[in-house]
N, C-alpha and C. Protein backbone atom coordinates (compact mmCIF):
# COMPACT_ATOMS: atom_id res chain seq x y z
N UNK A 1 19.78 40.49 -123.38
CA UNK A 1 20.72 41.31 -122.61
C UNK A 1 20.18 41.59 -121.21
N UNK A 2 18.86 41.94 -121.14
CA UNK A 2 18.26 42.21 -119.84
C UNK A 2 18.29 40.98 -118.95
N UNK A 3 18.04 39.80 -119.57
CA UNK A 3 18.05 38.56 -118.79
C UNK A 3 19.44 38.28 -118.25
N UNK A 4 20.45 38.53 -119.07
CA UNK A 4 21.83 38.32 -118.63
C UNK A 4 22.19 39.25 -117.48
N UNK A 5 21.73 40.50 -117.60
CA UNK A 5 22.00 41.47 -116.53
C UNK A 5 21.31 41.06 -115.23
N UNK A 6 20.08 40.58 -115.34
CA UNK A 6 19.34 40.15 -114.15
C UNK A 6 20.02 38.96 -113.49
N UNK A 7 20.51 38.03 -114.29
CA UNK A 7 21.20 36.87 -113.74
C UNK A 7 22.50 37.29 -113.05
N UNK A 8 23.18 38.27 -113.63
CA UNK A 8 24.42 38.78 -113.02
C UNK A 8 24.15 39.42 -111.67
N UNK A 9 23.09 40.21 -111.61
CA UNK A 9 22.71 40.86 -110.34
C UNK A 9 22.33 39.82 -109.30
N UNK A 10 21.56 38.82 -109.72
CA UNK A 10 21.15 37.77 -108.80
C UNK A 10 22.34 37.02 -108.25
N UNK A 11 23.29 36.70 -109.12
CA UNK A 11 24.50 36.00 -108.70
C UNK A 11 25.29 36.84 -107.70
N UNK A 12 25.38 38.15 -107.96
CA UNK A 12 26.10 39.05 -107.05
C UNK A 12 25.44 39.09 -105.68
N UNK A 13 24.09 39.09 -105.67
CA UNK A 13 23.37 39.11 -104.40
C UNK A 13 23.59 37.82 -103.62
N UNK A 14 23.60 36.67 -104.32
CA UNK A 14 23.85 35.39 -103.65
C UNK A 14 25.24 35.35 -103.04
N UNK A 15 26.24 35.82 -103.80
CA UNK A 15 27.62 35.85 -103.30
C UNK A 15 27.73 36.77 -102.09
N UNK A 16 27.09 37.94 -102.17
CA UNK A 16 27.14 38.89 -101.05
C UNK A 16 26.50 38.30 -99.81
N UNK A 17 25.35 37.61 -100.00
CA UNK A 17 24.68 36.99 -98.86
C UNK A 17 25.56 35.92 -98.23
N UNK A 18 26.23 35.13 -99.04
CA UNK A 18 27.04 34.01 -98.54
C UNK A 18 28.20 34.50 -97.67
N UNK A 19 28.82 35.60 -98.09
CA UNK A 19 30.00 36.09 -97.37
C UNK A 19 29.69 37.17 -96.35
N UNK A 20 28.42 37.55 -96.22
CA UNK A 20 28.05 38.59 -95.26
C UNK A 20 28.23 38.06 -93.84
N UNK A 21 28.89 38.84 -92.92
CA UNK A 21 29.07 38.38 -91.54
C UNK A 21 27.74 38.06 -90.89
N UNK A 22 27.65 36.92 -90.23
CA UNK A 22 26.39 36.48 -89.63
C UNK A 22 26.44 36.57 -88.11
N UNK A 23 25.38 37.07 -87.55
CA UNK A 23 25.23 37.01 -86.10
C UNK A 23 24.76 35.62 -85.70
N UNK A 24 25.14 35.18 -84.52
CA UNK A 24 24.65 33.90 -84.03
C UNK A 24 23.16 34.05 -83.71
N UNK A 25 22.35 33.10 -84.14
CA UNK A 25 20.92 33.16 -83.89
C UNK A 25 20.62 32.55 -82.53
N UNK A 26 20.44 33.42 -81.51
CA UNK A 26 20.19 32.96 -80.16
C UNK A 26 18.82 32.30 -80.02
N UNK A 27 17.95 32.49 -81.01
CA UNK A 27 16.59 32.00 -80.87
C UNK A 27 16.46 30.51 -81.17
N UNK A 28 17.52 29.90 -81.69
CA UNK A 28 17.47 28.47 -81.99
C UNK A 28 17.87 27.69 -80.74
N UNK A 29 16.94 26.97 -80.11
CA UNK A 29 17.29 26.22 -78.90
C UNK A 29 18.32 25.14 -79.19
N UNK A 30 19.29 25.00 -78.29
CA UNK A 30 20.29 23.95 -78.41
C UNK A 30 20.28 23.15 -77.11
N UNK A 31 20.48 21.85 -77.24
CA UNK A 31 20.34 20.97 -76.08
C UNK A 31 21.65 20.73 -75.34
N UNK A 32 22.75 21.24 -75.84
CA UNK A 32 24.04 20.98 -75.22
C UNK A 32 24.23 21.73 -73.92
N UNK A 33 25.36 21.48 -73.24
CA UNK A 33 25.62 22.13 -71.96
C UNK A 33 26.08 23.57 -72.11
N UNK A 34 26.04 24.30 -71.01
CA UNK A 34 26.66 25.62 -70.93
C UNK A 34 28.05 25.41 -70.35
N UNK A 35 29.08 25.80 -71.11
CA UNK A 35 30.46 25.52 -70.73
C UNK A 35 31.18 26.82 -70.41
N UNK A 36 31.97 26.80 -69.33
CA UNK A 36 32.78 27.94 -68.95
C UNK A 36 34.24 27.61 -69.21
N UNK A 37 34.87 28.35 -70.12
CA UNK A 37 36.29 28.20 -70.40
C UNK A 37 37.01 29.34 -69.70
N UNK A 38 37.76 29.00 -68.65
CA UNK A 38 38.37 30.07 -67.88
C UNK A 38 39.60 29.64 -67.12
N UNK A 39 39.98 30.48 -66.17
CA UNK A 39 41.20 30.27 -65.38
C UNK A 39 40.82 30.04 -63.91
N UNK A 40 41.68 30.49 -62.99
CA UNK A 40 41.43 30.25 -61.57
C UNK A 40 40.17 30.94 -61.08
N UNK A 41 39.76 32.01 -61.74
CA UNK A 41 38.52 32.69 -61.34
C UNK A 41 37.31 31.82 -61.63
N UNK A 42 37.31 31.18 -62.79
CA UNK A 42 36.23 30.24 -63.10
C UNK A 42 36.30 29.03 -62.17
N UNK A 43 37.51 28.57 -61.90
CA UNK A 43 37.71 27.43 -61.00
C UNK A 43 37.18 27.74 -59.60
N UNK A 44 37.24 29.03 -59.22
CA UNK A 44 36.77 29.45 -57.90
C UNK A 44 37.84 29.43 -56.85
N UNK A 45 39.08 29.63 -57.25
CA UNK A 45 40.20 29.63 -56.30
C UNK A 45 39.99 30.70 -55.23
N UNK A 46 40.13 30.32 -53.98
CA UNK A 46 39.96 31.25 -52.88
C UNK A 46 38.59 31.25 -52.26
N UNK A 47 37.67 30.50 -52.85
CA UNK A 47 36.29 30.44 -52.32
C UNK A 47 36.05 29.10 -51.64
N UNK A 48 35.02 29.06 -50.82
CA UNK A 48 34.56 27.79 -50.28
C UNK A 48 34.06 26.91 -51.42
N UNK A 49 33.92 25.63 -51.16
CA UNK A 49 33.52 24.69 -52.21
C UNK A 49 32.25 25.15 -52.93
N UNK A 50 32.33 25.19 -54.26
CA UNK A 50 31.20 25.53 -55.13
C UNK A 50 30.67 26.95 -54.90
N UNK A 51 31.53 27.84 -54.42
CA UNK A 51 31.09 29.21 -54.23
C UNK A 51 31.93 30.19 -55.05
N UNK A 52 32.59 29.70 -56.11
CA UNK A 52 33.12 30.61 -57.11
C UNK A 52 31.97 31.19 -57.90
N UNK A 53 32.26 32.08 -58.84
CA UNK A 53 31.15 32.73 -59.56
C UNK A 53 30.35 31.72 -60.38
N UNK A 54 30.98 30.65 -60.86
CA UNK A 54 30.24 29.65 -61.62
C UNK A 54 29.22 28.94 -60.73
N UNK A 55 29.66 28.53 -59.55
CA UNK A 55 28.75 27.88 -58.62
C UNK A 55 27.62 28.79 -58.19
N UNK A 56 27.93 30.07 -57.97
CA UNK A 56 26.90 31.04 -57.58
C UNK A 56 25.87 31.20 -58.70
N UNK A 57 26.33 31.30 -59.94
CA UNK A 57 25.41 31.46 -61.07
C UNK A 57 24.53 30.23 -61.25
N UNK A 58 25.11 29.04 -61.08
CA UNK A 58 24.32 27.83 -61.19
C UNK A 58 23.17 27.82 -60.19
N UNK A 59 23.48 28.21 -58.95
CA UNK A 59 22.47 28.21 -57.90
C UNK A 59 21.40 29.25 -58.17
N UNK A 60 21.81 30.44 -58.57
CA UNK A 60 20.85 31.51 -58.80
C UNK A 60 19.92 31.22 -59.98
N UNK A 61 20.49 30.65 -61.05
CA UNK A 61 19.73 30.45 -62.27
C UNK A 61 19.08 29.08 -62.35
N UNK A 62 19.47 28.18 -61.47
CA UNK A 62 18.91 26.84 -61.49
C UNK A 62 19.30 26.05 -62.72
N UNK A 63 20.54 26.24 -63.18
CA UNK A 63 21.02 25.54 -64.36
C UNK A 63 22.33 24.84 -64.05
N UNK A 64 22.64 23.81 -64.84
CA UNK A 64 23.92 23.12 -64.72
C UNK A 64 24.91 23.74 -65.70
N UNK A 65 26.12 23.93 -65.23
CA UNK A 65 27.18 24.47 -66.08
C UNK A 65 28.40 23.57 -65.98
N UNK A 66 29.07 23.36 -67.09
CA UNK A 66 30.30 22.57 -67.11
C UNK A 66 31.46 23.53 -66.90
N UNK A 67 32.13 23.39 -65.76
CA UNK A 67 33.19 24.33 -65.40
C UNK A 67 34.54 23.81 -65.87
N UNK A 68 35.09 24.48 -66.88
CA UNK A 68 36.41 24.14 -67.40
C UNK A 68 37.41 25.25 -67.06
N UNK A 69 37.36 25.67 -65.80
CA UNK A 69 38.32 26.65 -65.31
C UNK A 69 39.55 25.96 -64.78
N UNK A 70 40.73 26.36 -65.24
CA UNK A 70 41.99 25.78 -64.78
C UNK A 70 42.90 26.90 -64.28
N UNK A 71 43.32 26.79 -63.04
CA UNK A 71 44.17 27.81 -62.43
C UNK A 71 45.45 28.00 -63.24
N UNK A 72 45.79 29.25 -63.47
CA UNK A 72 47.02 29.58 -64.15
C UNK A 72 46.93 29.65 -65.66
N UNK A 73 45.78 29.27 -66.22
CA UNK A 73 45.69 29.23 -67.68
C UNK A 73 45.73 30.62 -68.31
N UNK A 74 46.49 30.70 -69.39
CA UNK A 74 46.50 31.89 -70.24
C UNK A 74 45.55 31.67 -71.41
N UNK A 75 45.39 32.68 -72.24
CA UNK A 75 44.55 32.51 -73.43
C UNK A 75 45.13 31.47 -74.37
N UNK A 76 46.45 31.38 -74.45
CA UNK A 76 47.07 30.37 -75.31
C UNK A 76 46.72 28.97 -74.83
N UNK A 77 46.80 28.75 -73.52
CA UNK A 77 46.47 27.43 -72.99
C UNK A 77 44.98 27.13 -73.15
N UNK A 78 44.14 28.15 -73.00
CA UNK A 78 42.72 27.96 -73.24
C UNK A 78 42.46 27.55 -74.68
N UNK A 79 43.17 28.18 -75.61
CA UNK A 79 43.02 27.85 -77.02
C UNK A 79 43.48 26.42 -77.29
N UNK A 80 44.56 26.00 -76.63
CA UNK A 80 45.08 24.66 -76.86
C UNK A 80 44.12 23.57 -76.40
N UNK A 81 43.35 23.83 -75.37
CA UNK A 81 42.42 22.80 -74.87
C UNK A 81 40.98 23.03 -75.31
N UNK A 82 40.79 23.99 -76.21
CA UNK A 82 39.44 24.34 -76.65
C UNK A 82 38.70 23.16 -77.25
N UNK A 83 39.34 22.40 -78.11
CA UNK A 83 38.65 21.31 -78.79
C UNK A 83 38.13 20.28 -77.79
N UNK A 84 39.02 19.80 -76.93
CA UNK A 84 38.65 18.74 -75.99
C UNK A 84 37.70 19.22 -74.91
N UNK A 85 38.00 20.38 -74.34
CA UNK A 85 37.24 20.84 -73.17
C UNK A 85 35.94 21.55 -73.53
N UNK A 86 35.83 22.03 -74.77
CA UNK A 86 34.64 22.82 -75.12
C UNK A 86 33.95 22.27 -76.38
N UNK A 87 34.62 22.31 -77.50
CA UNK A 87 33.97 22.00 -78.77
C UNK A 87 33.44 20.58 -78.83
N UNK A 88 34.19 19.63 -78.27
CA UNK A 88 33.75 18.24 -78.30
C UNK A 88 32.48 18.01 -77.48
N UNK A 89 32.17 18.95 -76.58
CA UNK A 89 30.97 18.82 -75.75
C UNK A 89 29.71 19.32 -76.45
N UNK A 90 29.88 19.92 -77.64
CA UNK A 90 28.74 20.46 -78.40
C UNK A 90 27.89 21.39 -77.53
N UNK A 91 28.50 22.43 -76.98
CA UNK A 91 27.78 23.28 -76.02
C UNK A 91 26.68 24.12 -76.67
N UNK A 92 25.73 24.51 -75.83
CA UNK A 92 24.68 25.43 -76.26
C UNK A 92 25.12 26.88 -76.13
N UNK A 93 26.00 27.14 -75.17
CA UNK A 93 26.53 28.48 -74.94
C UNK A 93 27.88 28.33 -74.26
N UNK A 94 28.81 29.21 -74.58
CA UNK A 94 30.14 29.17 -73.97
C UNK A 94 30.45 30.51 -73.33
N UNK A 95 30.85 30.47 -72.07
CA UNK A 95 31.37 31.66 -71.37
C UNK A 95 32.88 31.60 -71.45
N UNK A 96 33.50 32.63 -72.00
CA UNK A 96 34.96 32.70 -72.12
C UNK A 96 35.46 33.76 -71.15
N UNK A 97 36.20 33.31 -70.15
CA UNK A 97 36.75 34.22 -69.14
C UNK A 97 38.25 33.94 -69.01
N UNK A 98 39.03 34.64 -69.80
CA UNK A 98 40.48 34.47 -69.83
C UNK A 98 41.14 35.82 -70.07
N UNK A 99 42.40 35.92 -69.69
CA UNK A 99 43.15 37.14 -69.95
C UNK A 99 43.96 37.62 -68.76
N UNK A 100 43.46 37.36 -67.54
CA UNK A 100 44.15 37.85 -66.35
C UNK A 100 45.58 37.36 -66.23
N UNK A 101 45.80 36.07 -66.50
CA UNK A 101 47.15 35.53 -66.40
C UNK A 101 48.05 36.06 -67.50
N UNK A 102 47.49 36.34 -68.66
CA UNK A 102 48.26 36.97 -69.73
C UNK A 102 48.79 38.33 -69.26
N UNK A 103 47.90 39.11 -68.64
CA UNK A 103 48.30 40.45 -68.22
C UNK A 103 49.38 40.38 -67.15
N UNK A 104 49.25 39.44 -66.21
CA UNK A 104 50.25 39.32 -65.16
C UNK A 104 51.58 38.84 -65.69
N UNK A 105 51.55 38.02 -66.75
CA UNK A 105 52.78 37.50 -67.35
C UNK A 105 53.30 38.42 -68.45
N UNK A 106 52.65 39.56 -68.62
CA UNK A 106 53.06 40.56 -69.59
C UNK A 106 53.10 40.01 -71.02
N UNK A 107 52.14 39.15 -71.33
CA UNK A 107 51.95 38.70 -72.71
C UNK A 107 51.50 39.91 -73.53
N UNK A 108 52.04 40.11 -74.72
CA UNK A 108 51.59 41.25 -75.54
C UNK A 108 50.07 41.24 -75.72
N UNK A 109 49.47 42.41 -75.57
CA UNK A 109 48.02 42.51 -75.65
C UNK A 109 47.50 41.99 -76.99
N UNK A 110 48.25 42.25 -78.06
CA UNK A 110 47.83 41.79 -79.38
C UNK A 110 47.74 40.27 -79.42
N UNK A 111 48.69 39.59 -78.78
CA UNK A 111 48.67 38.13 -78.75
C UNK A 111 47.50 37.61 -77.93
N UNK A 112 47.27 38.24 -76.79
CA UNK A 112 46.15 37.83 -75.93
C UNK A 112 44.83 37.89 -76.69
N UNK A 113 44.57 38.99 -77.36
CA UNK A 113 43.27 39.15 -78.01
C UNK A 113 43.20 38.42 -79.35
N UNK A 114 44.33 38.12 -79.95
CA UNK A 114 44.32 37.23 -81.11
C UNK A 114 43.91 35.83 -80.69
N UNK A 115 44.39 35.38 -79.53
CA UNK A 115 43.99 34.07 -79.01
C UNK A 115 42.51 34.04 -78.68
N UNK A 116 42.03 35.09 -78.02
CA UNK A 116 40.60 35.16 -77.69
C UNK A 116 39.75 35.18 -78.96
N UNK A 117 40.21 35.88 -79.97
CA UNK A 117 39.49 35.93 -81.23
C UNK A 117 39.39 34.54 -81.86
N UNK A 118 40.48 33.78 -81.81
CA UNK A 118 40.45 32.43 -82.35
C UNK A 118 39.49 31.53 -81.57
N UNK A 119 39.53 31.66 -80.24
CA UNK A 119 38.61 30.87 -79.41
C UNK A 119 37.17 31.16 -79.79
N UNK A 120 36.83 32.43 -79.84
CA UNK A 120 35.44 32.82 -80.12
C UNK A 120 35.02 32.39 -81.52
N UNK A 121 35.87 32.61 -82.50
CA UNK A 121 35.50 32.28 -83.88
C UNK A 121 35.30 30.78 -84.05
N UNK A 122 36.10 29.98 -83.36
CA UNK A 122 35.93 28.52 -83.47
C UNK A 122 34.65 28.05 -82.77
N UNK A 123 34.31 28.68 -81.67
CA UNK A 123 33.04 28.34 -81.01
C UNK A 123 31.87 28.76 -81.89
N UNK A 124 31.92 29.95 -82.44
CA UNK A 124 30.83 30.44 -83.27
C UNK A 124 30.71 29.65 -84.57
N UNK A 125 31.79 29.02 -85.01
CA UNK A 125 31.72 28.18 -86.21
C UNK A 125 30.78 26.99 -86.00
N UNK A 126 30.51 26.65 -84.72
CA UNK A 126 29.54 25.61 -84.39
C UNK A 126 28.15 26.20 -84.15
N UNK A 127 27.97 27.46 -84.55
CA UNK A 127 26.68 28.16 -84.35
C UNK A 127 26.32 28.22 -82.86
N UNK A 128 27.33 28.49 -82.05
CA UNK A 128 27.16 28.56 -80.60
C UNK A 128 27.47 29.97 -80.12
N UNK A 129 26.57 30.61 -79.37
CA UNK A 129 26.83 31.95 -78.86
C UNK A 129 27.87 31.96 -77.75
N UNK A 130 28.53 33.10 -77.62
CA UNK A 130 29.61 33.28 -76.64
C UNK A 130 29.32 34.48 -75.76
N UNK A 131 29.56 34.31 -74.47
CA UNK A 131 29.57 35.43 -73.53
C UNK A 131 31.02 35.67 -73.14
N UNK A 132 31.57 36.81 -73.53
CA UNK A 132 32.95 37.17 -73.23
C UNK A 132 33.00 37.94 -71.92
N UNK A 133 33.77 37.42 -70.97
CA UNK A 133 33.89 38.05 -69.66
C UNK A 133 35.27 38.69 -69.54
N UNK A 134 35.30 40.01 -69.48
CA UNK A 134 36.56 40.73 -69.34
C UNK A 134 37.09 40.64 -67.93
N UNK A 135 38.39 40.44 -67.82
CA UNK A 135 39.04 40.31 -66.51
C UNK A 135 40.05 41.43 -66.37
N UNK A 136 39.66 42.42 -65.61
CA UNK A 136 40.54 43.56 -65.38
C UNK A 136 40.47 43.95 -63.91
N UNK A 137 41.44 44.69 -63.48
CA UNK A 137 41.41 45.28 -62.15
C UNK A 137 42.48 46.35 -62.11
N UNK A 138 42.52 47.12 -61.04
CA UNK A 138 43.58 48.10 -60.90
C UNK A 138 44.95 47.42 -60.91
N UNK A 139 44.97 46.15 -60.50
CA UNK A 139 46.21 45.38 -60.49
C UNK A 139 46.80 45.28 -61.89
N UNK A 140 45.93 45.19 -62.91
CA UNK A 140 46.39 45.02 -64.29
C UNK A 140 46.43 46.35 -65.06
N UNK A 141 46.02 47.41 -64.43
CA UNK A 141 46.10 48.71 -65.07
C UNK A 141 44.90 49.09 -65.93
N UNK A 142 43.91 48.19 -66.04
CA UNK A 142 42.69 48.48 -66.80
C UNK A 142 42.96 48.89 -68.25
N UNK A 143 44.03 48.38 -68.84
CA UNK A 143 44.39 48.77 -70.20
C UNK A 143 43.67 47.93 -71.26
N UNK A 144 42.96 46.89 -70.84
CA UNK A 144 42.38 45.97 -71.81
C UNK A 144 40.91 46.26 -72.12
N UNK A 145 40.30 47.22 -71.44
CA UNK A 145 38.86 47.44 -71.57
C UNK A 145 38.43 47.63 -73.01
N UNK A 146 39.11 48.50 -73.73
CA UNK A 146 38.71 48.78 -75.11
C UNK A 146 38.90 47.56 -75.99
N UNK A 147 39.89 46.73 -75.69
CA UNK A 147 40.13 45.53 -76.50
C UNK A 147 39.00 44.52 -76.32
N UNK A 148 38.54 44.34 -75.08
CA UNK A 148 37.41 43.44 -74.85
C UNK A 148 36.17 43.95 -75.59
N UNK A 149 35.93 45.24 -75.51
CA UNK A 149 34.74 45.80 -76.16
C UNK A 149 34.85 45.68 -77.68
N UNK A 150 36.02 45.99 -78.22
CA UNK A 150 36.20 45.90 -79.67
C UNK A 150 35.99 44.47 -80.16
N UNK A 151 36.54 43.50 -79.42
CA UNK A 151 36.41 42.11 -79.82
C UNK A 151 34.95 41.66 -79.74
N UNK A 152 34.27 42.05 -78.67
CA UNK A 152 32.85 41.68 -78.52
C UNK A 152 32.01 42.27 -79.65
N UNK A 153 32.29 43.52 -80.02
CA UNK A 153 31.55 44.15 -81.11
C UNK A 153 31.86 43.48 -82.44
N UNK A 154 33.11 43.15 -82.66
CA UNK A 154 33.51 42.53 -83.91
C UNK A 154 32.89 41.15 -84.09
N UNK A 155 32.86 40.38 -82.99
CA UNK A 155 32.39 39.00 -83.07
C UNK A 155 30.93 38.85 -82.63
N UNK A 156 30.29 39.96 -82.26
CA UNK A 156 28.87 39.93 -81.88
C UNK A 156 28.63 38.97 -80.71
N UNK A 157 29.45 39.08 -79.68
CA UNK A 157 29.27 38.25 -78.49
C UNK A 157 28.56 39.04 -77.41
N UNK A 158 28.07 38.31 -76.40
CA UNK A 158 27.68 38.98 -75.17
C UNK A 158 28.94 39.48 -74.49
N UNK A 159 28.82 40.46 -73.61
CA UNK A 159 30.01 41.04 -72.98
C UNK A 159 29.74 41.48 -71.55
N UNK A 160 30.63 41.09 -70.66
CA UNK A 160 30.75 41.69 -69.33
C UNK A 160 32.15 42.26 -69.31
N UNK A 161 32.26 43.57 -69.45
CA UNK A 161 33.54 44.19 -69.75
C UNK A 161 34.54 44.13 -68.60
N UNK A 162 34.05 44.14 -67.36
CA UNK A 162 34.98 44.27 -66.25
C UNK A 162 34.43 43.56 -65.02
N UNK A 163 34.43 42.24 -65.06
CA UNK A 163 33.82 41.45 -63.98
C UNK A 163 34.60 41.52 -62.68
N UNK A 164 35.88 41.83 -62.76
CA UNK A 164 36.73 41.82 -61.56
C UNK A 164 37.01 43.21 -61.01
N UNK A 165 36.60 44.24 -61.72
CA UNK A 165 36.98 45.60 -61.37
C UNK A 165 36.69 45.99 -59.93
N UNK A 166 37.72 46.53 -59.27
CA UNK A 166 37.66 47.07 -57.91
C UNK A 166 37.48 46.01 -56.81
N UNK A 167 37.31 44.76 -57.17
CA UNK A 167 37.16 43.73 -56.14
C UNK A 167 38.47 43.55 -55.37
N UNK A 168 39.59 43.53 -56.09
CA UNK A 168 40.86 43.23 -55.45
C UNK A 168 41.45 44.43 -54.70
N UNK A 169 40.77 45.57 -54.75
CA UNK A 169 41.20 46.72 -53.96
C UNK A 169 40.46 46.80 -52.63
N UNK A 170 39.54 45.84 -52.40
CA UNK A 170 38.76 45.83 -51.16
C UNK A 170 39.09 44.57 -50.36
N UNK A 171 39.77 44.72 -49.24
CA UNK A 171 40.22 43.56 -48.46
C UNK A 171 39.11 42.59 -48.09
N UNK A 172 37.90 43.08 -47.88
CA UNK A 172 36.81 42.18 -47.46
C UNK A 172 36.25 41.38 -48.62
N UNK A 173 36.73 41.62 -49.86
CA UNK A 173 36.23 40.90 -51.02
C UNK A 173 37.28 39.96 -51.63
N UNK A 174 38.46 39.89 -51.04
CA UNK A 174 39.50 39.07 -51.68
C UNK A 174 40.10 38.08 -50.69
N UNK A 175 40.55 36.94 -51.24
CA UNK A 175 41.17 35.90 -50.43
C UNK A 175 42.68 36.03 -50.43
N UNK A 176 43.24 36.62 -51.48
CA UNK A 176 44.67 36.91 -51.56
C UNK A 176 44.83 38.08 -52.52
N UNK A 177 46.04 38.33 -52.98
CA UNK A 177 46.30 39.51 -53.79
C UNK A 177 45.61 39.48 -55.14
N UNK A 178 45.30 38.28 -55.67
CA UNK A 178 44.78 38.20 -57.04
C UNK A 178 43.49 37.39 -57.17
N UNK A 179 42.91 36.96 -56.04
CA UNK A 179 41.68 36.17 -56.12
C UNK A 179 40.62 36.69 -55.15
N UNK A 180 39.36 36.69 -55.56
CA UNK A 180 38.28 37.06 -54.64
C UNK A 180 38.05 35.97 -53.59
N UNK A 181 37.30 36.34 -52.56
CA UNK A 181 36.77 35.35 -51.62
C UNK A 181 35.30 35.11 -51.96
N UNK A 182 34.58 34.44 -51.08
CA UNK A 182 33.16 34.16 -51.37
C UNK A 182 32.38 35.43 -51.72
N UNK A 183 32.56 36.49 -50.92
CA UNK A 183 31.84 37.73 -51.17
C UNK A 183 32.26 38.36 -52.49
N UNK A 184 33.55 38.26 -52.81
CA UNK A 184 34.03 38.81 -54.07
C UNK A 184 33.47 38.08 -55.27
N UNK A 185 33.38 36.76 -55.17
CA UNK A 185 32.79 35.99 -56.27
C UNK A 185 31.30 36.29 -56.42
N UNK A 186 30.63 36.61 -55.32
CA UNK A 186 29.23 37.04 -55.42
C UNK A 186 29.12 38.31 -56.26
N UNK A 187 30.07 39.23 -56.07
CA UNK A 187 30.06 40.47 -56.86
C UNK A 187 30.32 40.16 -58.33
N UNK A 188 31.26 39.25 -58.60
CA UNK A 188 31.48 38.86 -60.00
C UNK A 188 30.20 38.28 -60.61
N UNK A 189 29.53 37.42 -59.85
CA UNK A 189 28.28 36.83 -60.34
C UNK A 189 27.22 37.92 -60.57
N UNK A 190 27.18 38.92 -59.69
CA UNK A 190 26.23 40.03 -59.87
C UNK A 190 26.43 40.70 -61.23
N UNK A 191 27.67 40.80 -61.66
CA UNK A 191 27.98 41.49 -62.91
C UNK A 191 27.73 40.62 -64.14
N UNK A 192 27.92 39.33 -63.99
CA UNK A 192 27.75 38.42 -65.12
C UNK A 192 26.29 38.01 -65.31
N UNK A 193 25.56 37.88 -64.21
CA UNK A 193 24.21 37.32 -64.25
C UNK A 193 23.27 38.03 -65.22
N UNK A 194 23.18 39.37 -65.24
CA UNK A 194 22.20 40.01 -66.14
C UNK A 194 22.43 39.68 -67.61
N UNK A 195 23.68 39.72 -68.05
CA UNK A 195 23.96 39.43 -69.46
C UNK A 195 23.71 37.96 -69.77
N UNK A 196 24.08 37.08 -68.83
CA UNK A 196 23.84 35.66 -69.05
C UNK A 196 22.34 35.36 -69.10
N UNK A 197 21.57 35.96 -68.20
CA UNK A 197 20.12 35.78 -68.22
C UNK A 197 19.53 36.23 -69.55
N UNK A 198 19.99 37.37 -70.04
CA UNK A 198 19.47 37.91 -71.30
C UNK A 198 19.73 36.93 -72.44
N UNK A 199 20.94 36.38 -72.48
CA UNK A 199 21.28 35.44 -73.55
C UNK A 199 20.49 34.14 -73.43
N UNK A 200 20.34 33.65 -72.21
CA UNK A 200 19.61 32.41 -72.01
C UNK A 200 18.12 32.58 -72.34
N UNK A 201 17.56 33.74 -72.03
CA UNK A 201 16.16 33.99 -72.40
C UNK A 201 16.01 33.97 -73.92
N UNK A 202 16.93 34.57 -74.62
CA UNK A 202 16.87 34.60 -76.07
C UNK A 202 17.01 33.19 -76.65
N UNK A 203 17.75 32.36 -75.95
CA UNK A 203 17.93 30.96 -76.39
C UNK A 203 16.80 30.07 -75.90
N UNK A 204 15.87 30.64 -75.14
CA UNK A 204 14.74 29.89 -74.57
C UNK A 204 15.24 28.82 -73.60
N UNK A 205 16.28 29.18 -72.83
CA UNK A 205 16.82 28.24 -71.85
C UNK A 205 16.43 28.62 -70.41
N UNK A 206 15.77 29.75 -70.23
CA UNK A 206 15.28 30.16 -68.91
C UNK A 206 13.80 30.51 -69.01
């Protein structure tokens, strides 16, 4: 009877371990590229050549990044091209910067963050860490902050909660109503760089 009870307990522990939510192990070095899945902000719209925030980060950190930023993309469109533009590249780390176009197009917040959740979960299924970059500004009403934080906590991602905040309210930092200029992208890079450095150090990539 005692042996049967011990085997039952052991089986329960194995089942619990198997289904227990796992954090991505940043300490395992991966040789793939660092990929940015984003919109016009990742693309660098409004900046001089290679001076969007992705270009600035590459120069500062001395690393190559694959920029998959497409102007106008929503989270749904990012999800649709996730396999080809990101997963097929077997990345070591993925930066996800999407949401601004959803907010401007008044996509329901629940739909936006369901799409982001799918993107992140599919990337993490490849044992790849994610840095989630929140895109908010006074233009969008700053209503998404808690959603970005909740999603990052739930999925155990890196987080930059508000990379765009207050940039578009300062004329010297923007190229038009919804995009930064070179100086504005420098500010975005300032906000993203510390979290990205921390993740890359943990991955032994810096």
